[in-house]
Amino acid sequence: MLRDALVARLSDATLAFLEVLTLYIGDRLGLYRALAEQGPATSAELAVRTGTHERYVREWLEQQAASSLLEVDAASDPLARRYRLPAGHAEVLVDRESLHYQAARPKSLLAVARRLPAVLEAFRTGGGVSGDDDEGREAQAELGRVGFLRLLGTAWLPAIPDVHARLLAEPPARVADLGCGGGWSSIALARAYPKARVDGFDIDSASIALARRHAGEAGVSERVAFQVSDAADPGLKGRYDLVMAFETLHDMPRPVQALQSMRRLAGDAGAVIVADEKVAESLEAPADPLTRLNYGWSVLSCLPSGMVGEAPVGTGAVLRPSTLTGYARAAGFREVEVLPIEHDAWRFYRLRH
């Protein structure tokens, strides 16, 4: 029966949500890292390694083993059981340099949960919800970090030959990165193209502070500058060889004005690249998991962000190709090209003027 199927589905979803939240404990308290770096441990040994309480650690370890997130050697005495990370799990839970790293994901869910009261009020009033907490910013930056560092200069931009060549050439190319968030897209470009100069823009001052810190730690501060600025600001000026916006246009309350700024910044010769969610051209019900994921983020975060301020468009995360094309043409672009760049979740566009 449909009723029973729904009950089972919601039960499974609750289980998955609880298990994801336990990842937060393992990540924030260094439990996974201690197992990865120092090997299998009993609850008492792991508690000593991490400065935590044995009884809490024992319950967490048992839950992790019951969920197949950890492996355990069978022993009748709970204090004698030794726990270890299965092969491949350390890459997902500990290795920040892996494209498969996922330990930051629970932080993003908690950030969304903390915004729920404001989202409920927005549903009633039609207003927006601006800003994010520190963990939300950190999670967003962390989840995109490795992809930018590993792929932006080796796969994504090399797939656009003229842009790739300009970034390597003299005089040094200038790049504008709109909606840069924690700055990893800007930093990745500067690291991949040592001659380029990058300016990152974001409306959130805390994100810009985070981006500046990341740039300093990455050693690219001399070639990467960040400033607080609305992408839709008509006063945003400059002449750039490349203007880019990664997974941010759908969050902007005024996307047409933002694209107008990008067109103005690129001038007559600069390239304009936008990457946003890979969604279908029309509503599908039932939909595939990626579309469901995008709708979930849209309801809880992206649409509320896109409803802030005066005359917001309210795009949401499900930014369909036809919608983006309509925005681009309204901003004065003559053509929108879907680029041959492979990505599990994003579609890459080149806007020609």
Protein backbone atom coordinates (compact mmCIF):
# COMPACT_ATOMS: atom_id res chain seq x y z
CA MET A 1 0.00 0.00 0.00
CA LEU A 2 1.06 3.57 -0.65
CA ARG A 3 0.58 4.38 3.03
CA ASP A 4 2.93 1.64 4.16
CA ALA A 5 5.52 2.55 1.55
CA LEU A 6 5.52 6.14 2.78
CA VAL A 7 5.88 5.04 6.40
CA ALA A 8 8.86 2.86 5.43
CA ARG A 9 10.41 5.66 3.38
CA LEU A 10 10.16 8.19 6.21
CA SER A 11 11.57 5.65 8.65
CA ASP A 12 14.55 5.09 6.35
CA ALA A 13 15.01 8.86 5.94
CA THR A 14 15.00 9.34 9.71
CA LEU A 15 17.61 6.62 10.11
CA ALA A 16 19.80 8.21 7.43
CA PHE A 17 19.48 11.65 9.00
CA LEU A 18 20.49 10.33 12.44
CA GLU A 19 23.49 8.51 10.98
CA VAL A 20 24.63 11.65 9.15
CA LEU A 21 24.42 13.60 12.41
CA THR A 22 26.68 11.06 14.10
CA LEU A 23 29.28 11.86 11.43
CA TYR A 24 29.33 15.38 12.85
CA ILE A 25 30.39 14.01 16.24
CA GLY A 26 33.09 11.83 14.71
CA ASP A 27 34.46 14.69 12.64
CA ARG A 28 34.32 17.49 15.19
CA LEU A 29 35.80 15.43 18.03
CA GLY A 30 38.54 13.93 15.85
CA LEU A 31 37.35 10.37 16.41
CA TYR A 32 37.65 9.31 12.77
CA ARG A 33 41.03 10.98 12.40
CA ALA A 34 42.38 9.24 15.51
CA LEU A 35 41.32 5.86 14.13
CA ALA A 36 42.77 6.67 10.70
CA GLU A 37 46.10 7.93 11.97
CA GLN A 38 46.69 5.72 15.03
CA GLY A 39 44.86 2.55 14.06
CA PRO A 40 42.16 0.42 15.70
CA ALA A 41 41.16 1.21 19.27
CA THR A 42 38.95 0.22 22.13
CA SER A 43 36.55 2.80 23.49
CA ALA A 44 38.91 3.62 26.34
CA GLU A 45 41.90 4.00 24.00
CA LEU A 46 39.99 6.24 21.63
CA ALA A 47 38.72 8.36 24.51
CA VAL A 48 42.30 8.90 25.70
CA ARG A 49 43.49 9.75 22.18
CA THR A 50 40.78 12.38 21.71
CA GLY A 51 40.29 13.73 25.22
CA THR A 52 36.71 12.53 25.41
CA HIS A 53 34.60 10.49 27.87
CA GLU A 54 34.80 6.73 27.46
CA ARG A 55 31.10 6.00 28.01
CA TYR A 56 30.01 8.44 25.30
CA VAL A 57 32.71 7.18 22.95
CA ARG A 58 31.67 3.56 23.55
CA GLU A 59 28.04 4.30 22.61
CA TRP A 60 29.14 6.18 19.49
CA LEU A 61 31.48 3.34 18.46
CA GLU A 62 28.75 0.75 18.88
CA GLN A 63 26.34 2.86 16.83
CA GLN A 64 28.99 3.30 14.12
CA ALA A 65 29.62 -0.42 13.98
CA ALA A 66 25.90 -1.20 13.95
CA SER A 67 25.60 1.17 10.97
CA SER A 68 28.60 -0.38 9.15
CA LEU A 69 30.47 2.90 9.29
CA LEU A 70 33.13 1.19 11.42
CA GLU A 71 34.19 -2.43 11.80
CA VAL A 72 34.54 -4.14 15.18
CA ASP A 73 36.29 -7.26 16.47
CA ALA A 74 33.74 -9.38 18.29
CA ALA A 75 34.25 -9.59 22.04
CA SER A 76 31.87 -10.35 24.86
CA ASP A 77 33.33 -7.60 27.02
CA PRO A 78 32.26 -4.21 25.58
CA LEU A 79 35.46 -2.60 26.86
CA ALA A 80 37.62 -5.14 25.00
CA ARG A 81 36.10 -4.53 21.57
CA ARG A 82 38.43 -2.90 19.05
CA TYR A 83 37.05 -0.68 16.31
CA ARG A 84 38.60 0.31 12.99
CA LEU A 85 37.81 2.22 9.82
CA PRO A 86 36.96 -0.09 6.89
CA ALA A 87 39.05 0.19 3.74
CA GLY A 88 38.09 3.33 1.83
CA HIS A 89 36.16 4.96 4.67
CA ALA A 90 39.07 7.12 5.79
CA GLU A 91 39.13 8.76 2.36
CA VAL A 92 35.49 9.80 2.75
CA LEU A 93 35.60 10.77 6.42
CA VAL A 94 39.13 12.13 6.97
CA ASP A 95 41.00 12.91 3.75
CA ARG A 96 40.30 16.58 2.93
CA GLU A 97 42.27 16.24 -0.31
CA SER A 98 40.00 13.55 -1.76
CA LEU A 99 37.24 14.29 -4.22
CA HIS A 100 35.17 11.83 -2.18
CA TYR A 101 35.52 13.70 1.14
CA GLN A 102 32.12 14.11 2.83
CA ALA A 103 32.72 14.84 6.51
CA ALA A 104 31.68 18.49 6.14
CA ARG A 105 28.20 17.54 4.94
CA PRO A 106 26.56 17.27 8.39
CA LYS A 107 27.59 20.87 9.14
CA SER A 108 25.60 22.07 6.14
CA LEU A 109 22.49 20.19 7.31
CA LEU A 110 22.78 21.62 10.82
CA ALA A 111 23.13 25.12 9.39
CA VAL A 112 19.91 24.62 7.42
CA ALA A 113 18.12 23.27 10.50
CA ARG A 114 19.09 26.34 12.50
CA ARG A 115 17.49 28.54 9.83
CA LEU A 116 14.14 26.75 9.92
CA PRO A 117 12.34 29.25 12.21
CA ALA A 118 13.30 32.07 9.85
CA VAL A 119 12.22 30.00 6.84
CA LEU A 120 8.82 29.36 8.44
CA GLU A 121 8.38 33.09 8.91
CA ALA A 122 9.41 33.71 5.31
CA PHE A 123 6.71 31.28 4.15
CA ARG A 124 4.15 33.40 5.98
CA THR A 125 5.41 36.82 4.91
CA GLY A 126 6.98 36.21 1.51
CA GLY A 127 10.25 37.70 2.71
CA GLY A 128 13.72 36.26 2.45
CA VAL A 129 16.30 34.79 4.77
CA SER A 130 19.77 36.27 4.46
CA GLY A 131 23.09 35.16 5.82
CA ASP A 132 24.35 31.90 7.23
CA ASP A 133 26.15 30.80 10.36
CA ASP A 134 29.85 30.07 10.51
CA GLU A 135 29.45 26.31 10.18
CA GLY A 136 27.25 26.75 7.11
CA ARG A 137 29.88 28.93 5.45
CA GLU A 138 32.64 26.54 6.37
CA ALA A 139 30.70 23.54 5.09
CA GLN A 140 29.89 25.15 1.76
CA ALA A 141 33.51 26.14 1.27
CA GLU A 142 34.85 22.76 2.36
CA LEU A 143 32.52 20.70 0.18
CA GLY A 144 33.57 22.61 -2.94
CA ARG A 145 37.24 23.04 -2.07
CA VAL A 146 38.81 19.89 -3.52
CA GLY A 147 36.78 20.00 -6.72
CA PHE A 148 37.99 23.51 -7.42
CA LEU A 149 41.61 22.75 -6.50
CA ARG A 150 41.78 19.48 -8.42
CA LEU A 151 39.59 20.13 -11.46
CA LEU A 152 39.20 23.84 -12.24
CA GLY A 153 42.60 24.20 -13.89
CA THR A 154 43.02 20.61 -15.10
CA ALA A 155 39.62 19.70 -16.57
CA TRP A 156 37.02 22.46 -16.49
CA LEU A 157 38.79 25.50 -17.92
CA PRO A 158 41.08 23.52 -20.27
CA ALA A 159 37.83 22.37 -21.93
CA ILE A 160 37.44 25.99 -23.09
CA PRO A 161 40.58 26.36 -25.25
CA ASP A 162 40.56 30.13 -25.83
CA VAL A 163 39.95 30.88 -22.15
CA HIS A 164 42.62 28.40 -21.06
CA ALA A 165 45.14 29.91 -23.47
CA ARG A 166 44.43 33.47 -22.31
CA LEU A 167 44.88 32.52 -18.67
CA LEU A 168 48.34 31.15 -19.48
CA ALA A 169 49.41 34.09 -21.63
CA GLU A 170 50.92 37.53 -21.15
CA PRO A 171 49.98 40.13 -20.17
CA PRO A 172 48.57 38.57 -16.99
CA ALA A 173 44.88 37.77 -17.33
CA ARG A 174 42.40 39.40 -15.00
CA VAL A 175 39.58 37.26 -13.58
CA ALA A 176 36.43 38.25 -11.67
CA ASP A 177 34.79 35.60 -9.51
CA LEU A 178 31.26 36.62 -8.47
CA GLY A 179 29.62 34.99 -5.47
CA CYS A 180 33.00 33.57 -4.46
CA GLY A 181 31.95 32.49 -0.95
CA GLY A 182 34.91 31.02 0.92
CA GLY A 183 37.16 31.79 -2.02
CA TRP A 184 38.30 28.38 -3.19
CA SER A 185 37.29 28.94 -6.82
CA SER A 186 39.42 32.12 -6.91
CA ILE A 187 42.31 30.44 -5.11
CA ALA A 188 42.16 27.38 -7.37
CA LEU A 189 42.32 29.54 -10.48
CA ALA A 190 45.30 31.48 -9.16
CA ARG A 191 47.13 28.25 -8.30
CA ALA A 192 46.39 26.68 -11.69
CA TYR A 193 47.33 29.81 -13.65
CA PRO A 194 50.33 31.50 -11.95
CA LYS A 195 50.16 34.61 -14.14
CA ALA A 196 46.48 35.37 -13.51
CA ARG A 197 45.16 38.05 -11.15
CA VAL A 198 41.81 37.28 -9.52
CA ASP A 199 39.23 39.50 -7.82
CA GLY A 200 36.57 37.69 -5.79
CA PHE A 201 33.26 39.35 -4.91
CA ASP A 202 30.59 38.32 -2.43
CA ILE A 203 27.85 40.16 -0.57
CA ASP A 204 28.55 38.29 2.69
CA SER A 205 31.33 39.96 4.70
CA ALA A 206 31.96 36.85 6.80
CA SER A 207 32.51 34.79 3.65
CA ILE A 208 34.96 37.37 2.36
CA ALA A 209 36.86 37.24 5.65
CA LEU A 210 36.98 33.45 5.32
CA ALA A 211 38.17 33.74 1.70
CA ARG A 212 40.98 36.12 2.68
CA ARG A 213 42.12 33.69 5.34
CA HIS A 214 42.08 30.80 2.88
CA ALA A 215 44.05 32.83 0.32
CA GLY A 216 46.67 33.65 2.92
CA GLU A 217 47.02 30.02 3.93
CA ALA A 218 47.27 29.01 0.26
CA GLY A 219 49.99 31.59 -0.40
CA VAL A 220 48.19 33.44 -3.19
CA SER A 221 47.21 36.68 -1.45
CA GLU A 222 49.45 38.74 -3.74
CA ARG A 223 47.42 37.69 -6.78
CA VAL A 224 43.96 37.19 -5.29
CA ALA A 225 41.90 40.01 -3.74
CA PHE A 226 38.46 39.75 -2.18
CA GLN A 227 35.89 42.44 -1.55
CA VAL A 228 32.35 42.72 -0.23
CA SER A 229 30.16 43.68 -3.18
CA ASP A 230 26.73 42.82 -4.53
CA ALA A 231 27.03 41.08 -7.88
CA ALA A 232 24.03 43.12 -9.05
CA ASP A 233 25.72 46.44 -8.19
CA PRO A 234 25.67 48.64 -11.34
CA GLY A 235 28.79 50.36 -10.04
CA LEU A 236 30.85 47.19 -10.28
CA LYS A 237 33.39 48.02 -12.94
CA GLY A 238 36.55 46.73 -14.51
CA ARG A 239 37.90 45.00 -17.57
CA TYR A 240 38.34 41.27 -17.14
CA ASP A 241 39.44 38.48 -19.45
CA LEU A 242 37.24 36.01 -17.59
CA VAL A 243 34.18 36.57 -15.42
CA MET A 244 32.84 33.49 -13.65
CA ALA A 245 30.10 32.51 -11.21
CA PHE A 246 30.03 29.00 -9.74
CA GLU A 247 26.83 27.61 -8.17
CA THR A 248 25.70 31.04 -7.03
CA LEU A 249 23.41 32.61 -9.64
CA HIS A 250 20.37 30.69 -8.39
CA ASP A 251 20.88 32.18 -4.89
CA MET A 252 20.95 35.77 -6.13
CA PRO A 253 17.75 37.80 -5.63
CA ARG A 254 18.43 39.80 -8.82
CA PRO A 255 20.12 37.43 -11.29
CA VAL A 256 19.50 39.55 -14.38
CA GLN A 257 21.27 42.51 -12.82
CA ALA A 258 24.08 40.19 -11.72
CA LEU A 259 24.49 38.96 -15.29
CA GLN A 260 24.46 42.55 -16.52
CA SER A 261 27.36 43.21 -14.14
CA MET A 262 29.19 40.17 -15.50
CA ARG A 263 28.67 41.39 -19.06
CA ARG A 264 29.93 44.85 -18.13
CA LEU A 265 32.97 43.43 -16.33
CA ALA A 266 33.87 41.27 -19.33
CA GLY A 267 33.67 44.12 -21.80
CA ASP A 268 33.68 43.22 -25.48
CA ALA A 269 36.40 40.57 -25.36
CA GLY A 270 36.15 38.83 -21.99
CA ALA A 271 34.56 35.42 -21.48
CA VAL A 272 31.60 34.86 -19.14
CA ILE A 273 31.24 31.40 -17.56
CA VAL A 274 28.40 30.29 -15.28
CA ALA A 275 28.11 26.91 -13.55
CA ASP A 276 24.87 26.01 -11.85
CA GLU A 277 22.74 23.02 -10.95
CA LYS A 278 22.24 20.22 -13.47
CA VAL A 279 18.44 20.01 -13.55
CA ALA A 280 15.88 18.99 -16.16
CA GLU A 281 14.09 21.46 -18.39
CA SER A 282 10.72 20.75 -16.78
CA LEU A 283 9.23 19.28 -13.62
CA GLU A 284 9.46 15.51 -13.35
CA ALA A 285 7.43 13.71 -10.70
CA PRO A 286 8.69 11.44 -9.38
CA ALA A 287 12.14 12.87 -10.01
CA ASP A 288 15.65 11.45 -9.85
CA PRO A 289 17.68 11.77 -6.61
CA LEU A 290 19.71 14.77 -7.82
CA THR A 291 16.56 16.74 -8.62
CA ARG A 292 15.05 15.82 -5.27
CA LEU A 293 18.26 16.96 -3.57
CA ASN A 294 18.14 20.30 -5.38
CA TYR A 295 14.49 20.83 -4.49
CA GLY A 296 15.25 20.05 -0.85
CA TRP A 297 18.03 22.64 -0.74
CA SER A 298 15.84 25.07 -2.64
CA VAL A 299 12.94 24.95 -0.18
CA LEU A 300 15.15 25.15 2.90
CA SER A 301 17.93 27.49 1.80
CA CYS A 302 18.29 28.66 -1.79
CA LEU A 303 14.83 30.10 -2.41
CA PRO A 304 14.82 31.96 0.94
CA SER A 305 18.21 33.44 0.00
CA GLY A 306 16.83 34.47 -3.38
CA MET A 307 13.87 36.30 -1.83
CA VAL A 308 15.92 38.92 0.03
CA GLY A 309 15.66 42.65 -0.65
CA GLU A 310 13.70 44.69 -3.15
CA ALA A 311 12.06 43.06 -6.17
CA PRO A 312 13.65 39.61 -5.77
CA VAL A 313 13.18 37.09 -8.55
CA GLY A 314 13.26 34.06 -6.23
CA THR A 315 14.87 31.55 -8.57
CA GLY A 316 15.68 28.70 -6.20
CA ALA A 317 18.16 25.89 -6.73
CA VAL A 318 16.20 24.34 -9.61
CA LEU A 319 17.59 26.77 -12.20
CA ARG A 320 16.47 25.26 -15.48
CA PRO A 321 18.47 25.90 -18.69
CA SER A 322 15.60 27.85 -20.25
CA THR A 323 15.35 30.05 -17.17
CA LEU A 324 19.05 30.84 -17.23
CA THR A 325 18.85 31.53 -20.95
CA GLY A 326 15.97 33.95 -20.32
CA TYR A 327 17.96 35.77 -17.66
CA ALA A 328 21.00 35.96 -19.94
CA ARG A 329 19.07 37.41 -22.85
CA ALA A 330 17.40 39.94 -20.58
CA ALA A 331 20.90 40.94 -19.46
CA GLY A 332 21.98 41.54 -23.05
CA PHE A 333 23.73 38.29 -23.98
CA ARG A 334 22.99 36.99 -27.44
CA GLU A 335 23.77 33.31 -26.92
CA VAL A 336 24.02 30.72 -24.14
CA GLU A 337 26.22 27.72 -24.88
CA VAL A 338 26.26 24.55 -22.78
CA LEU A 339 29.93 23.63 -22.43
CA PRO A 340 31.31 20.08 -22.83
CA ILE A 341 32.40 19.80 -19.20
CA GLU A 342 31.50 16.68 -17.26
CA HIS A 343 30.22 17.11 -13.71
CA ASP A 344 27.89 15.00 -11.61
CA ALA A 345 25.84 17.91 -10.30
CA TRP A 346 26.60 21.07 -12.32
CA ARG A 347 26.02 22.26 -15.85
CA PHE A 348 28.52 24.76 -17.29
CA TYR A 349 27.41 27.61 -19.54
CA ARG A 350 29.24 30.17 -21.64
CA LEU A 351 27.33 33.40 -22.16
CA ARG A 352 28.27 35.20 -25.36
CA HIS A 353 27.70 38.89 -25.99
